[in-house]
Amino acid sequence: HQEFLRFLRTIDRATPSDVDLHLILDNYGTHKTPQIQ
């Protein structure tokens, strides 16, 4: 989940800050940890 959180931050920096982002994901456990939430 640490690596996935790092990737979320990369997405945050690489996209316009005023645009909503809809992410399509699978059900891998690292996508739903308390830290991610």
PDB file of all heavy atoms in Angstrom:
ATOM      1  N   HIS A   1       0.826  -1.200   0.000  1.00  0.00           N
ATOM      2  CA  HIS A   1       0.000   0.000   0.000  1.00  0.00           C
ATOM      3  C   HIS A   1       0.865   1.257   0.000  1.00  0.00           C
ATOM      4  O   HIS A   1       0.448   2.310  -0.486  1.00  0.00           O
ATOM      5  CB  HIS A   1      -0.948  -0.016   1.202  1.00  0.00           C
ATOM      6  CG  HIS A   1      -0.296   0.357   2.493  1.00  0.00           C
ATOM      7  ND1 HIS A   1       0.293  -0.565   3.331  1.00  0.00           N
ATOM      8  CD2 HIS A   1      -0.131   1.577   3.089  1.00  0.00           C
ATOM      9  CE1 HIS A   1       0.779   0.056   4.400  1.00  0.00           C
ATOM     10  NE2 HIS A   1       0.536   1.340   4.285  1.00  0.00           N
ATOM     11  N   GLN A   2       2.103   1.158   0.522  1.00  0.00           N
ATOM     12  CA  GLN A   2       2.991   2.318   0.482  1.00  0.00           C
ATOM     13  C   GLN A   2       3.322   2.708  -0.955  1.00  0.00           C
ATOM     14  O   GLN A   2       3.331   3.898  -1.301  1.00  0.00           O
ATOM     15  CB  GLN A   2       4.286   2.034   1.251  1.00  0.00           C
ATOM     16  CG  GLN A   2       4.104   1.864   2.754  1.00  0.00           C
ATOM     17  CD  GLN A   2       3.904   0.418   3.155  1.00  0.00           C
ATOM     18  OE1 GLN A   2       3.311  -0.358   2.389  1.00  0.00           O
ATOM     19  NE2 GLN A   2       4.364   0.045   4.341  1.00  0.00           N
ATOM     20  N   GLU A   3       3.577   1.702  -1.801  1.00  0.00           N
ATOM     21  CA  GLU A   3       3.879   1.994  -3.205  1.00  0.00           C
ATOM     22  C   GLU A   3       2.645   2.531  -3.936  1.00  0.00           C
ATOM     23  O   GLU A   3       2.752   3.455  -4.757  1.00  0.00           O
ATOM     24  CB  GLU A   3       4.390   0.732  -3.908  1.00  0.00           C
ATOM     25  CG  GLU A   3       5.827   0.373  -3.564  1.00  0.00           C
ATOM     26  CD  GLU A   3       5.995  -0.166  -2.162  1.00  0.00           C
ATOM     27  OE1 GLU A   3       5.047  -0.819  -1.671  1.00  0.00           O
ATOM     28  OE2 GLU A   3       7.050   0.082  -1.544  1.00  0.00           O
ATOM     29  N   PHE A   4       1.478   2.001  -3.622  1.00  0.00           N
ATOM     30  CA  PHE A   4       0.274   2.516  -4.262  1.00  0.00           C
ATOM     31  C   PHE A   4      -0.007   3.949  -3.826  1.00  0.00           C
ATOM     32  O   PHE A   4      -0.417   4.791  -4.642  1.00  0.00           O
ATOM     33  CB  PHE A   4      -0.918   1.622  -3.914  1.00  0.00           C
ATOM     34  CG  PHE A   4      -2.199   2.071  -4.542  1.00  0.00           C
ATOM     35  CD1 PHE A   4      -2.352   2.099  -5.924  1.00  0.00           C
ATOM     36  CD2 PHE A   4      -3.268   2.486  -3.748  1.00  0.00           C
ATOM     37  CE1 PHE A   4      -3.538   2.530  -6.505  1.00  0.00           C
ATOM     38  CE2 PHE A   4      -4.451   2.911  -4.329  1.00  0.00           C
ATOM     39  CZ  PHE A   4      -4.589   2.932  -5.706  1.00  0.00           C
ATOM     40  N   LEU A   5       0.223   4.256  -2.552  1.00  0.00           N
ATOM     41  CA  LEU A   5       0.046   5.627  -2.073  1.00  0.00           C
ATOM     42  C   LEU A   5       1.020   6.575  -2.763  1.00  0.00           C
ATOM     43  O   LEU A   5       0.662   7.707  -3.122  1.00  0.00           O
ATOM     44  CB  LEU A   5       0.229   5.666  -0.553  1.00  0.00           C
ATOM     45  CG  LEU A   5      -0.036   7.004   0.138  1.00  0.00           C
ATOM     46  CD1 LEU A   5      -1.454   7.473  -0.137  1.00  0.00           C
ATOM     47  CD2 LEU A   5       0.207   6.890   1.639  1.00  0.00           C
ATOM     48  N   ARG A   6       2.238   6.100  -2.988  1.00  0.00           N
ATOM     49  CA  ARG A   6       3.213   6.922  -3.712  1.00  0.00           C
ATOM     50  C   ARG A   6       2.736   7.184  -5.139  1.00  0.00           C
ATOM     51  O   ARG A   6       2.908   8.282  -5.675  1.00  0.00           O
ATOM     52  CB  ARG A   6       4.563   6.203  -3.722  1.00  0.00           C
ATOM     53  CG  ARG A   6       5.742   7.052  -4.188  1.00  0.00           C
ATOM     54  CD  ARG A   6       7.030   6.270  -4.064  1.00  0.00           C
ATOM     55  NE  ARG A   6       7.196   5.797  -2.685  1.00  0.00           N
ATOM     56  CZ  ARG A   6       7.705   4.624  -2.350  1.00  0.00           C
ATOM     57  NH1 ARG A   6       8.069   3.778  -3.301  1.00  0.00           N
ATOM     58  NH2 ARG A   6       7.844   4.286  -1.080  1.00  0.00           N
ATOM     59  N   PHE A   7       2.105   6.187  -5.742  1.00  0.00           N
ATOM     60  CA  PHE A   7       1.605   6.375  -7.105  1.00  0.00           C
ATOM     61  C   PHE A   7       0.424   7.340  -7.129  1.00  0.00           C
ATOM     62  O   PHE A   7       0.278   8.136  -8.062  1.00  0.00           O
ATOM     63  CB  PHE A   7       1.209   5.025  -7.704  1.00  0.00           C
ATOM     64  CG  PHE A   7       0.773   5.101  -9.137  1.00  0.00           C
ATOM     65  CD1 PHE A   7       1.586   5.671 -10.103  1.00  0.00           C
ATOM     66  CD2 PHE A   7      -0.469   4.621  -9.526  1.00  0.00           C
ATOM     67  CE1 PHE A   7       1.185   5.743 -11.431  1.00  0.00           C
ATOM     68  CE2 PHE A   7      -0.881   4.690 -10.848  1.00  0.00           C
ATOM     69  CZ  PHE A   7      -0.049   5.261 -11.799  1.00  0.00           C
ATOM     70  N   LEU A   8      -0.444   7.283  -6.134  1.00  0.00           N
ATOM     71  CA  LEU A   8      -1.534   8.249  -6.061  1.00  0.00           C
ATOM     72  C   LEU A   8      -1.001   9.666  -5.989  1.00  0.00           C
ATOM     73  O   LEU A   8      -1.552  10.587  -6.613  1.00  0.00           O
ATOM     74  CB  LEU A   8      -2.423   7.948  -4.854  1.00  0.00           C
ATOM     75  CG  LEU A   8      -3.307   6.689  -4.931  1.00  0.00           C
ATOM     76  CD1 LEU A   8      -4.090   6.520  -3.629  1.00  0.00           C
ATOM     77  CD2 LEU A   8      -4.265   6.763  -6.106  1.00  0.00           C
ATOM     78  N   ARG A   9       0.056   9.876  -5.235  1.00  0.00           N
ATOM     79  CA  ARG A   9       0.663  11.212  -5.155  1.00  0.00           C
ATOM     80  C   ARG A   9       1.239  11.617  -6.515  1.00  0.00           C
ATOM     81  O   ARG A   9       1.169  12.793  -6.899  1.00  0.00           O
ATOM     82  CB  ARG A   9       1.753  11.234  -4.088  1.00  0.00           C
ATOM     83  CG  ARG A   9       1.247  11.003  -2.661  1.00  0.00           C
ATOM     84  CD  ARG A   9       2.327  11.311  -1.649  1.00  0.00           C
ATOM     85  NE  ARG A   9       1.863  11.112  -0.285  1.00  0.00           N
ATOM     86  CZ  ARG A   9       2.173  10.064   0.470  1.00  0.00           C
ATOM     87  NH1 ARG A   9       2.961   9.097  -0.017  1.00  0.00           N
ATOM     88  NH2 ARG A   9       1.710   9.959   1.702  1.00  0.00           N
ATOM     89  N   THR A  10       1.787  10.635  -7.249  1.00  0.00           N
ATOM     90  CA  THR A  10       2.292  10.930  -8.595  1.00  0.00           C
ATOM     91  C   THR A  10       1.153  11.366  -9.515  1.00  0.00           C
ATOM     92  O   THR A  10       1.295  12.329 -10.285  1.00  0.00           O
ATOM     93  CB  THR A  10       2.993   9.688  -9.171  1.00  0.00           C
ATOM     94  OG1 THR A  10       4.099   9.336  -8.329  1.00  0.00           O
ATOM     95  CG2 THR A  10       3.501   9.961 -10.585  1.00  0.00           C
ATOM     96  N   ILE A  11       0.024  10.690  -9.430  1.00  0.00           N
ATOM     97  CA  ILE A  11      -1.141  11.074 -10.231  1.00  0.00           C
ATOM     98  C   ILE A  11      -1.611  12.472  -9.843  1.00  0.00           C
ATOM     99  O   ILE A  11      -1.953  13.298 -10.700  1.00  0.00           O
ATOM    100  CB  ILE A  11      -2.281  10.054 -10.054  1.00  0.00           C
ATOM    101  CG1 ILE A  11      -1.877   8.685 -10.619  1.00  0.00           C
ATOM    102  CG2 ILE A  11      -3.563  10.537 -10.730  1.00  0.00           C
ATOM    103  CD1 ILE A  11      -2.907   7.591 -10.385  1.00  0.00           C
ATOM    104  N   ASP A  12      -1.586  12.751  -8.553  1.00  0.00           N
ATOM    105  CA  ASP A  12      -2.030  14.060  -8.067  1.00  0.00           C
ATOM    106  C   ASP A  12      -1.175  15.181  -8.642  1.00  0.00           C
ATOM    107  O   ASP A  12      -1.681  16.239  -9.030  1.00  0.00           O
ATOM    108  CB  ASP A  12      -1.979  14.060  -6.543  1.00  0.00           C
ATOM    109  CG  ASP A  12      -2.699  15.249  -5.941  1.00  0.00           C
ATOM    110  OD1 ASP A  12      -3.615  15.788  -6.601  1.00  0.00           O
ATOM    111  OD2 ASP A  12      -2.346  15.652  -4.817  1.00  0.00           O
ATOM    112  N   ARG A  13       0.134  14.937  -8.729  1.00  0.00           N
ATOM    113  CA  ARG A  13       1.040  15.965  -9.255  1.00  0.00           C
ATOM    114  C   ARG A  13       0.962  16.073 -10.776  1.00  0.00           C
ATOM    115  O   ARG A  13       1.193  17.146 -11.337  1.00  0.00           O
ATOM    116  CB  ARG A  13       2.486  15.659  -8.843  1.00  0.00           C
ATOM    117  CG  ARG A  13       2.752  15.787  -7.349  1.00  0.00           C
ATOM    118  CD  ARG A  13       4.244  15.697  -7.059  1.00  0.00           C
ATOM    119  NE  ARG A  13       4.806  14.428  -7.491  1.00  0.00           N
ATOM    120  CZ  ARG A  13       4.908  13.363  -6.700  1.00  0.00           C
ATOM    121  NH1 ARG A  13       4.442  13.408  -5.446  1.00  0.00           N
ATOM    122  NH2 ARG A  13       5.436  12.239  -7.148  1.00  0.00           N
ATOM    123  N   ALA A  14       0.639  14.959 -11.462  1.00  0.00           N
ATOM    124  CA  ALA A  14       0.684  14.936 -12.920  1.00  0.00           C
ATOM    125  C   ALA A  14      -0.609  15.401 -13.575  1.00  0.00           C
ATOM    126  O   ALA A  14      -0.665  15.510 -14.807  1.00  0.00           O
ATOM    127  CB  ALA A  14       1.015  13.521 -13.403  1.00  0.00           C
ATOM    128  N   THR A  15      -1.651  15.685 -12.793  1.00  0.00           N
ATOM    129  CA  THR A  15      -2.939  16.089 -13.359  1.00  0.00           C
ATOM    130  C   THR A  15      -3.310  17.483 -12.861  1.00  0.00           C
ATOM    131  O   THR A  15      -2.849  17.915 -11.789  1.00  0.00           O
ATOM    132  CB  THR A  15      -4.045  15.095 -12.954  1.00  0.00           C
ATOM    133  OG1 THR A  15      -4.070  14.972 -11.518  1.00  0.00           O
ATOM    134  CG2 THR A  15      -3.785  13.733 -13.565  1.00  0.00           C
ATOM    135  N   PRO A  16      -4.126  18.216 -13.610  1.00  0.00           N
ATOM    136  CA  PRO A  16      -4.552  19.553 -13.167  1.00  0.00           C
ATOM    137  C   PRO A  16      -5.235  19.489 -11.805  1.00  0.00           C
ATOM    138  O   PRO A  16      -6.087  18.620 -11.562  1.00  0.00           O
ATOM    139  CB  PRO A  16      -5.515  20.009 -14.265  1.00  0.00           C
ATOM    140  CG  PRO A  16      -5.121  19.212 -15.468  1.00  0.00           C
ATOM    141  CD  PRO A  16      -4.655  17.891 -14.952  1.00  0.00           C
ATOM    142  N   SER A  17      -4.899  20.401 -10.927  1.00  0.00           N
ATOM    143  CA  SER A  17      -5.389  20.342  -9.549  1.00  0.00           C
ATOM    144  C   SER A  17      -6.869  20.675  -9.419  1.00  0.00           C
ATOM    145  O   SER A  17      -7.485  20.361  -8.395  1.00  0.00           O
ATOM    146  CB  SER A  17      -4.572  21.301  -8.669  1.00  0.00           C
ATOM    147  OG  SER A  17      -4.675  22.633  -9.169  1.00  0.00           O
ATOM    148  N   ASP A  18      -7.455  21.322 -10.436  1.00  0.00           N
ATOM    149  CA  ASP A  18      -8.855  21.728 -10.347  1.00  0.00           C
ATOM    150  C   ASP A  18      -9.800  20.748 -11.042  1.00  0.00           C
ATOM    151  O   ASP A  18     -10.958  21.078 -11.283  1.00  0.00           O
ATOM    152  CB  ASP A  18      -9.030  23.123 -10.947  1.00  0.00           C
ATOM    153  CG  ASP A  18      -8.581  23.184 -12.402  1.00  0.00           C
ATOM    154  OD1 ASP A  18      -7.830  22.287 -12.820  1.00  0.00           O
ATOM    155  OD2 ASP A  18      -8.981  24.127 -13.111  1.00  0.00           O
ATOM    156  N   VAL A  19      -9.321  19.562 -11.373  1.00  0.00           N
ATOM    157  CA  VAL A  19     -10.117  18.575 -12.103  1.00  0.00           C
ATOM    158  C   VAL A  19     -10.364  17.374 -11.203  1.00  0.00           C
ATOM    159  O   VAL A  19      -9.439  16.858 -10.564  1.00  0.00           O
ATOM    160  CB  VAL A  19      -9.402  18.136 -13.395  1.00  0.00           C
ATOM    161  CG1 VAL A  19     -10.152  17.009 -14.070  1.00  0.00           C
ATOM    162  CG2 VAL A  19      -9.260  19.323 -14.347  1.00  0.00           C
ATOM    163  N   ASP A  20     -11.623  16.914 -11.153  1.00  0.00           N
ATOM    164  CA  ASP A  20     -11.928  15.688 -10.422  1.00  0.00           C
ATOM    165  C   ASP A  20     -11.364  14.482 -11.163  1.00  0.00           C
ATOM    166  O   ASP A  20     -11.343  14.446 -12.396  1.00  0.00           O
ATOM    167  CB  ASP A  20     -13.436  15.532 -10.270  1.00  0.00           C
ATOM    168  CG  ASP A  20     -13.993  16.394  -9.146  1.00  0.00           C
ATOM    169  OD1 ASP A  20     -13.191  17.018  -8.433  1.00  0.00           O
ATOM    170  OD2 ASP A  20     -15.231  16.455  -9.005  1.00  0.00           O
ATOM    171  N   LEU A  21     -10.915  13.493 -10.395  1.00  0.00           N
ATOM    172  CA  LEU A  21     -10.316  12.288 -10.962  1.00  0.00           C
ATOM    173  C   LEU A  21     -11.153  11.078 -10.571  1.00  0.00           C
ATOM    174  O   LEU A  21     -11.401  10.842  -9.381  1.00  0.00           O
ATOM    175  CB  LEU A  21      -8.881  12.112 -10.462  1.00  0.00           C
ATOM    176  CG  LEU A  21      -7.919  13.271 -10.723  1.00  0.00           C
ATOM    177  CD1 LEU A  21      -6.565  12.981 -10.098  1.00  0.00           C
ATOM    178  CD2 LEU A  21      -7.761  13.528 -12.210  1.00  0.00           C
ATOM    179  N   HIS A  22     -11.577  10.314 -11.584  1.00  0.00           N
ATOM    180  CA  HIS A  22     -12.309   9.072 -11.351  1.00  0.00           C
ATOM    181  C   HIS A  22     -11.392   7.917 -11.709  1.00  0.00           C
ATOM    182  O   HIS A  22     -11.045   7.723 -12.890  1.00  0.00           O
ATOM    183  CB  HIS A  22     -13.586   9.047 -12.190  1.00  0.00           C
ATOM    184  CG  HIS A  22     -14.597  10.065 -11.771  1.00  0.00           C
ATOM    185  ND1 HIS A  22     -15.640   9.762 -10.921  1.00  0.00           N
ATOM    186  CD2 HIS A  22     -14.716  11.389 -12.075  1.00  0.00           C
ATOM    187  CE1 HIS A  22     -16.371  10.842 -10.723  1.00  0.00           C
ATOM    188  NE2 HIS A  22     -15.828  11.846 -11.415  1.00  0.00           N
ATOM    189  N   LEU A  23     -10.983   7.139 -10.714  1.00  0.00           N
ATOM    190  CA  LEU A  23     -10.039   6.053 -10.899  1.00  0.00           C
ATOM    191  C   LEU A  23     -10.781   4.716 -10.916  1.00  0.00           C
ATOM    192  O   LEU A  23     -11.581   4.426 -10.014  1.00  0.00           O
ATOM    193  CB  LEU A  23      -8.992   6.042  -9.788  1.00  0.00           C
ATOM    194  CG  LEU A  23      -7.772   6.938  -9.961  1.00  0.00           C
ATOM    195  CD1 LEU A  23      -8.165   8.395 -10.120  1.00  0.00           C
ATOM    196  CD2 LEU A  23      -6.809   6.763  -8.788  1.00  0.00           C
ATOM    197  N   ILE A  24     -10.520   3.925 -11.953  1.00  0.00           N
ATOM    198  CA  ILE A  24     -11.080   2.580 -12.061  1.00  0.00           C
ATOM    199  C   ILE A  24     -10.023   1.598 -11.577  1.00  0.00           C
ATOM    200  O   ILE A  24      -8.915   1.538 -12.123  1.00  0.00           O
ATOM    201  CB  ILE A  24     -11.493   2.281 -13.507  1.00  0.00           C
ATOM    202  CG1 ILE A  24     -12.584   3.254 -13.950  1.00  0.00           C
ATOM    203  CG2 ILE A  24     -11.974   0.846 -13.644  1.00  0.00           C
ATOM    204  CD1 ILE A  24     -12.929   3.153 -15.418  1.00  0.00           C
ATOM    205  N   LEU A  25     -10.351   0.821 -10.549  1.00  0.00           N
ATOM    206  CA  LEU A  25      -9.388  -0.058  -9.899  1.00  0.00           C
ATOM    207  C   LEU A  25      -9.970  -1.453  -9.730  1.00  0.00           C
ATOM    208  O   LEU A  25     -11.190  -1.639  -9.784  1.00  0.00           O
ATOM    209  CB  LEU A  25      -9.013   0.495  -8.516  1.00  0.00           C
ATOM    210  CG  LEU A  25      -8.446   1.912  -8.447  1.00  0.00           C
ATOM    211  CD1 LEU A  25      -8.543   2.432  -7.025  1.00  0.00           C
ATOM    212  CD2 LEU A  25      -7.006   1.918  -8.911  1.00  0.00           C
ATOM    213  N   ASP A  26      -9.072  -2.418  -9.469  1.00  0.00           N
ATOM    214  CA  ASP A  26      -9.547  -3.745  -9.088  1.00  0.00           C
ATOM    215  C   ASP A  26      -9.640  -3.824  -7.570  1.00  0.00           C
ATOM    216  O   ASP A  26      -9.452  -2.833  -6.860  1.00  0.00           O
ATOM    217  CB  ASP A  26      -8.639  -4.833  -9.667  1.00  0.00           C
ATOM    218  CG  ASP A  26      -7.209  -4.738  -9.160  1.00  0.00           C
ATOM    219  OD1 ASP A  26      -6.972  -4.118  -8.106  1.00  0.00           O
ATOM    220  OD2 ASP A  26      -6.311  -5.287  -9.825  1.00  0.00           O
ATOM    221  N   ASN A  27      -9.905  -5.013  -7.073  1.00  0.00           N
ATOM    222  CA  ASN A  27     -10.158  -5.181  -5.639  1.00  0.00           C
ATOM    223  C   ASN A  27      -8.932  -5.642  -4.859  1.00  0.00           C
ATOM    224  O   ASN A  27      -9.060  -6.270  -3.805  1.00  0.00           O
ATOM    225  CB  ASN A  27     -11.296  -6.194  -5.447  1.00  0.00           C
ATOM    226  CG  ASN A  27     -12.628  -5.657  -5.920  1.00  0.00           C
ATOM    227  OD1 ASN A  27     -13.334  -4.990  -5.181  1.00  0.00           O
ATOM    228  ND2 ASN A  27     -12.978  -5.932  -7.172  1.00  0.00           N
ATOM    229  N   TYR A  28      -7.735  -5.316  -5.356  1.00  0.00           N
ATOM    230  CA  TYR A  28      -6.515  -5.704  -4.647  1.00  0.00           C
ATOM    231  C   TYR A  28      -6.485  -5.031  -3.273  1.00  0.00           C
ATOM    232  O   TYR A  28      -6.897  -3.872  -3.117  1.00  0.00           O
ATOM    233  CB  TYR A  28      -5.301  -5.291  -5.471  1.00  0.00           C
ATOM    234  CG  TYR A  28      -4.018  -5.955  -5.049  1.00  0.00           C
ATOM    235  CD1 TYR A  28      -3.880  -7.339  -5.104  1.00  0.00           C
ATOM    236  CD2 TYR A  28      -2.944  -5.205  -4.591  1.00  0.00           C
ATOM    237  CE1 TYR A  28      -2.706  -7.952  -4.720  1.00  0.00           C
ATOM    238  CE2 TYR A  28      -1.760  -5.807  -4.208  1.00  0.00           C
ATOM    239  CZ  TYR A  28      -1.652  -7.184  -4.270  1.00  0.00           C
ATOM    240  OH  TYR A  28      -0.483  -7.792  -3.873  1.00  0.00           O
ATOM    241  N   GLY A  29      -5.996  -5.772  -2.277  1.00  0.00           N
ATOM    242  CA  GLY A  29      -6.062  -5.292  -0.904  1.00  0.00           C
ATOM    243  C   GLY A  29      -5.350  -3.973  -0.664  1.00  0.00           C
ATOM    244  O   GLY A  29      -5.760  -3.178   0.202  1.00  0.00           O
ATOM    245  N   THR A  30      -4.275  -3.701  -1.410  1.00  0.00           N
ATOM    246  CA  THR A  30      -3.520  -2.463  -1.191  1.00  0.00           C
ATOM    247  C   THR A  30      -4.318  -1.224  -1.567  1.00  0.00           C
ATOM    248  O   THR A  30      -3.925  -0.112  -1.211  1.00  0.00           O
ATOM    249  CB  THR A  30      -2.220  -2.492  -2.015  1.00  0.00           C
ATOM    250  OG1 THR A  30      -2.544  -2.670  -3.399  1.00  0.00           O
ATOM    251  CG2 THR A  30      -1.328  -3.626  -1.567  1.00  0.00           C
ATOM    252  N   HIS A  31      -5.429  -1.386  -2.298  1.00  0.00           N
ATOM    253  CA  HIS A  31      -6.233  -0.230  -2.711  1.00  0.00           C
ATOM    254  C   HIS A  31      -7.233   0.189  -1.637  1.00  0.00           C
ATOM    255  O   HIS A  31      -7.875   1.233  -1.786  1.00  0.00           O
ATOM    256  CB  HIS A  31      -7.009  -0.555  -3.993  1.00  0.00           C
ATOM    257  CG  HIS A  31      -6.132  -0.927  -5.134  1.00  0.00           C
ATOM    258  ND1 HIS A  31      -6.587  -1.649  -6.236  1.00  0.00           N
ATOM    259  CD2 HIS A  31      -4.811  -0.685  -5.372  1.00  0.00           C
ATOM    260  CE1 HIS A  31      -5.595  -1.827  -7.084  1.00  0.00           C
ATOM    261  NE2 HIS A  31      -4.518  -1.263  -6.584  1.00  0.00           N
ATOM    262  N   LYS A  32      -7.360  -0.602  -0.557  1.00  0.00           N
ATOM    263  CA  LYS A  32      -8.422  -0.352   0.414  1.00  0.00           C
ATOM    264  C   LYS A  32      -7.926  -0.288   1.853  1.00  0.00           C
ATOM    265  O   LYS A  32      -8.730  -0.383   2.779  1.00  0.00           O
ATOM    266  CB  LYS A  32      -9.486  -1.456   0.296  1.00  0.00           C
ATOM    267  CG  LYS A  32     -10.119  -1.583  -1.088  1.00  0.00           C
ATOM    268  CD  LYS A  32     -11.135  -2.709  -1.136  1.00  0.00           C
ATOM    269  CE  LYS A  32     -11.784  -2.837  -2.507  1.00  0.00           C
ATOM    270  NZ  LYS A  32     -12.786  -3.918  -2.570  1.00  0.00           N
ATOM    271  N   THR A  33      -6.649  -0.121   2.056  1.00  0.00           N
ATOM    272  CA  THR A  33      -6.102  -0.089   3.413  1.00  0.00           C
ATOM    273  C   THR A  33      -6.522   1.201   4.121  1.00  0.00           C
ATOM    274  O   THR A  33      -6.871   2.202   3.483  1.00  0.00           O
ATOM    275  CB  THR A  33      -4.575  -0.182   3.379  1.00  0.00           C
ATOM    276  OG1 THR A  33      -4.061   0.963   2.682  1.00  0.00           O
ATOM    277  CG2 THR A  33      -4.120  -1.450   2.689  1.00  0.00           C
ATOM    278  N   PRO A  34      -6.485   1.224   5.458  1.00  0.00           N
ATOM    279  CA  PRO A  34      -6.835   2.461   6.196  1.00  0.00           C
ATOM    280  C   PRO A  34      -5.970   3.649   5.792  1.00  0.00           C
ATOM    281  O   PRO A  34      -6.458   4.793   5.746  1.00  0.00           O
ATOM    282  CB  PRO A  34      -6.613   2.065   7.655  1.00  0.00           C
ATOM    283  CG  PRO A  34      -6.794   0.583   7.681  1.00  0.00           C
ATOM    284  CD  PRO A  34      -6.272   0.090   6.375  1.00  0.00           C
ATOM    285  N   GLN A  35      -4.689   3.416   5.507  1.00  0.00           N
ATOM    286  CA  GLN A  35      -3.828   4.521   5.105  1.00  0.00           C
ATOM    287  C   GLN A  35      -4.296   5.152   3.791  1.00  0.00           C
ATOM    288  O   GLN A  35      -4.271   6.373   3.634  1.00  0.00           O
ATOM    289  CB  GLN A  35      -2.382   4.043   4.975  1.00  0.00           C
ATOM    290  CG  GLN A  35      -1.745   3.591   6.282  1.00  0.00           C
ATOM    291  CD  GLN A  35      -2.051   2.146   6.615  1.00  0.00           C
ATOM    292  OE1 GLN A  35      -2.952   1.534   6.027  1.00  0.00           O
ATOM    293  NE2 GLN A  35      -1.312   1.599   7.591  1.00  0.00           N
ATOM    294  N   ILE A  36      -4.735   4.306   2.861  1.00  0.00           N
ATOM    295  CA  ILE A  36      -5.257   4.818   1.585  1.00  0.00           C
ATOM    296  C   ILE A  36      -6.549   5.585   1.820  1.00  0.00           C
ATOM    297  O   ILE A  36      -6.763   6.673   1.256  1.00  0.00           O
ATOM    298  CB  ILE A  36      -5.482   3.669   0.590  1.00  0.00           C
ATOM    299  CG1 ILE A  36      -4.160   2.947   0.277  1.00  0.00           C
ATOM    300  CG2 ILE A  36      -6.120   4.189  -0.692  1.00  0.00           C
ATOM    301  CD1 ILE A  36      -3.117   3.797  -0.397  1.00  0.00           C
ATOM    302  N   GLN A  37      -7.424   5.057   2.668  1.00  0.00           N
ATOM    303  CA  GLN A  37      -8.679   5.729   2.949  1.00  0.00           C
ATOM    304  C   GLN A  37      -8.457   7.090   3.586  1.00  0.00           C
ATOM    305  O   GLN A  37      -9.135   8.079   3.254  1.00  0.00           O
ATOM    306  CB  GLN A  37      -9.547   4.847   3.863  1.00  0.00           C
ATOM    307  CG  GLN A  37      -9.946   3.510   3.265  1.00  0.00           C
ATOM    308  CD  GLN A  37     -10.792   3.649   2.018  1.00  0.00           C
ATOM    309  OE1 GLN A  37     -11.578   4.594   1.898  1.00  0.00           O
ATOM    310  NE2 GLN A  37     -10.648   2.716   1.088  1.00  0.00           N
TER     311      GLN A  37
END
